[in-house]
């Protein structure tokens, strides 16, 4: 029987849309996951337009979606995503999960163990964003 892959530490944060910062209402729209030992950094996002319309009917999805897409591109190190995307993965992760008071806000960083960072990202995204 083949040995199971070694489990290694990872960190992740949930990306939340906060359409009206002053009201504090929010909903989950993505997950950013970093696993240094596997040289893995990725983000998955999805904008729930119904939730956005319920919390802020005057905020069009087109005002939010490009920002979510940019998070994914920065995590992937896309050279067209700006100077932060050119940083090392751990530095990019730090930028992506830094506290902010903008329409997109990361949760506190959480940690865990994984043998497969991509599968873990997919599972977290499924559970937390749907």
Protein backbone atom coordinates (compact mmCIF):
# COMPACT_ATOMS: atom_id res chain seq x y z
CA UNK A 1 0.00 0.00 0.00
CA UNK A 2 1.51 3.40 -1.00
CA UNK A 3 2.30 5.85 1.77
CA UNK A 4 -0.03 8.79 2.16
CA UNK A 5 1.47 12.19 1.27
CA UNK A 6 2.88 14.09 4.21
CA UNK A 7 0.54 16.67 5.69
CA UNK A 8 2.01 20.14 5.94
CA UNK A 9 0.87 23.44 7.44
CA UNK A 10 -1.22 25.90 5.48
CA UNK A 11 -2.85 29.26 6.17
CA UNK A 12 -6.01 30.68 4.69
CA UNK A 13 -8.37 33.61 4.91
CA UNK A 14 -11.92 34.11 3.72
CA UNK A 15 -12.52 37.04 1.40
CA UNK A 16 -15.68 38.91 2.32
CA UNK A 17 -17.67 41.49 0.39
CA UNK A 18 -18.69 44.40 2.61
CA UNK A 19 -20.74 46.64 0.30
CA UNK A 20 -21.48 49.25 2.95
CA UNK A 21 -18.46 49.38 5.24
CA UNK A 22 -20.27 51.65 7.69
CA UNK A 23 -23.01 49.03 8.17
CA UNK A 24 -20.66 46.07 8.56
CA UNK A 25 -22.90 43.63 6.67
CA UNK A 26 -20.91 41.11 4.67
CA UNK A 27 -20.91 37.81 2.84
CA UNK A 28 -18.21 35.35 1.86
CA UNK A 29 -16.93 35.61 -1.71
CA UNK A 30 -13.64 33.74 -1.74
CA UNK A 31 -10.77 31.93 -0.08
CA UNK A 32 -7.03 32.60 -0.27
CA UNK A 33 -4.81 29.66 0.71
CA UNK A 34 -1.03 29.58 1.16
CA UNK A 35 1.13 26.52 1.81
CA UNK A 36 4.78 27.50 2.02
CA UNK A 37 6.12 23.92 2.10
CA UNK A 38 4.36 23.10 -1.18
CA UNK A 39 5.09 26.51 -2.76
CA UNK A 40 1.34 26.99 -3.20
CA UNK A 41 -0.67 30.18 -3.23
CA UNK A 42 -4.07 30.43 -4.84
CA UNK A 43 -7.39 32.20 -4.47
CA UNK A 44 -10.88 31.24 -5.60
CA UNK A 45 -13.68 33.75 -5.68
CA UNK A 46 -17.32 33.95 -6.68
CA UNK A 47 -19.64 36.90 -6.39
CA UNK A 48 -23.14 36.07 -5.19
CA UNK A 49 -25.09 38.74 -7.04
CA UNK A 50 -28.31 38.05 -5.12
CA UNK A 51 -26.63 38.67 -1.79
CA UNK A 52 -24.99 41.80 -3.14
CA UNK A 53 -28.36 43.09 -4.38
CA UNK A 54 -29.98 42.31 -1.01
CA UNK A 55 -27.34 44.22 0.97
CA UNK A 56 -26.64 47.03 -1.50
CA UNK A 57 -29.06 47.23 -4.41
CA UNK A 58 -27.28 50.30 -5.78
CA UNK A 59 -23.86 48.55 -6.04
CA UNK A 60 -23.57 46.87 -9.43
CA UNK A 61 -21.76 43.51 -9.63
CA UNK A 62 -19.47 45.08 -12.23
CA UNK A 63 -18.09 47.30 -9.47
CA UNK A 64 -17.06 44.30 -7.34
CA UNK A 65 -16.22 41.45 -9.70
CA UNK A 66 -12.99 42.97 -11.14
CA UNK A 67 -11.58 43.34 -7.63
CA UNK A 68 -12.27 39.69 -6.84
CA UNK A 69 -10.69 38.65 -10.12
CA UNK A 70 -7.63 40.76 -9.31
CA UNK A 71 -7.19 38.89 -6.02
CA UNK A 72 -7.03 35.62 -7.96
CA UNK A 73 -4.54 37.07 -10.43
CA UNK A 74 -2.29 38.46 -7.69
CA UNK A 75 -2.33 35.11 -5.89
CA UNK A 76 -1.38 33.38 -9.15
CA UNK A 77 1.51 35.80 -9.72
CA UNK A 78 0.06 37.10 -13.00
CA UNK A 79 2.64 39.58 -14.36
CA UNK A 80 -0.17 41.86 -15.56
CA UNK A 81 -1.69 42.09 -12.07
CA UNK A 82 0.66 44.78 -10.79
CA UNK A 83 3.79 44.92 -8.67
CA UNK A 84 2.41 42.94 -5.72
CA UNK A 85 1.88 39.95 -8.04
CA UNK A 86 5.65 39.95 -8.69
CA UNK A 87 6.47 39.33 -5.02
CA UNK A 88 7.27 35.96 -3.52
CA UNK A 89 4.18 33.86 -2.63
CA UNK A 90 4.48 34.44 1.12
CA UNK A 91 4.69 38.20 0.58
CA UNK A 92 1.71 38.14 -1.80
CA UNK A 93 -0.26 36.19 0.79
CA UNK A 94 0.57 38.83 3.39
CA UNK A 95 -0.76 41.57 1.12
CA UNK A 96 -3.89 39.62 0.21
CA UNK A 97 -4.86 38.93 3.82
CA UNK A 98 -3.86 42.28 5.34
CA UNK A 99 -6.75 43.88 7.23
CA UNK A 100 -8.53 46.55 5.25
CA UNK A 101 -11.57 48.78 5.46
CA UNK A 102 -12.53 48.50 1.81
CA UNK A 103 -15.39 46.71 0.08
CA UNK A 104 -13.32 43.48 0.08
CA UNK A 105 -12.08 42.41 3.50
CA UNK A 106 -10.18 39.30 4.55
CA UNK A 107 -11.09 37.32 7.64
CA UNK A 108 -8.48 36.63 10.26
CA UNK A 109 -5.95 34.06 9.04
CA UNK A 110 -6.68 30.46 9.99
CA UNK A 111 -4.32 27.48 9.85
CA UNK A 112 -4.45 23.76 9.33
CA UNK A 113 -2.69 20.73 7.88
CA UNK A 114 -3.05 19.41 4.36
CA UNK A 115 -1.59 16.80 2.06
CA UNK A 116 -3.09 18.52 -1.01
CA UNK A 117 -3.37 22.33 -0.91
CA UNK A 118 -5.51 22.55 -4.07
CA UNK A 119 -8.02 20.02 -2.74
CA UNK A 120 -8.08 21.86 0.58
CA UNK A 121 -8.73 25.18 -1.19
CA UNK A 122 -11.52 23.57 -3.20
CA UNK A 123 -13.08 22.10 -0.06
CA UNK A 124 -12.89 25.34 1.90
CA UNK A 125 -14.33 27.27 -1.03
CA UNK A 126 -17.20 24.81 -1.34
CA UNK A 127 -18.02 24.96 2.39
CA UNK A 128 -17.46 28.66 3.02
CA UNK A 129 -18.54 30.28 -0.23
CA UNK A 130 -20.68 27.61 -1.84
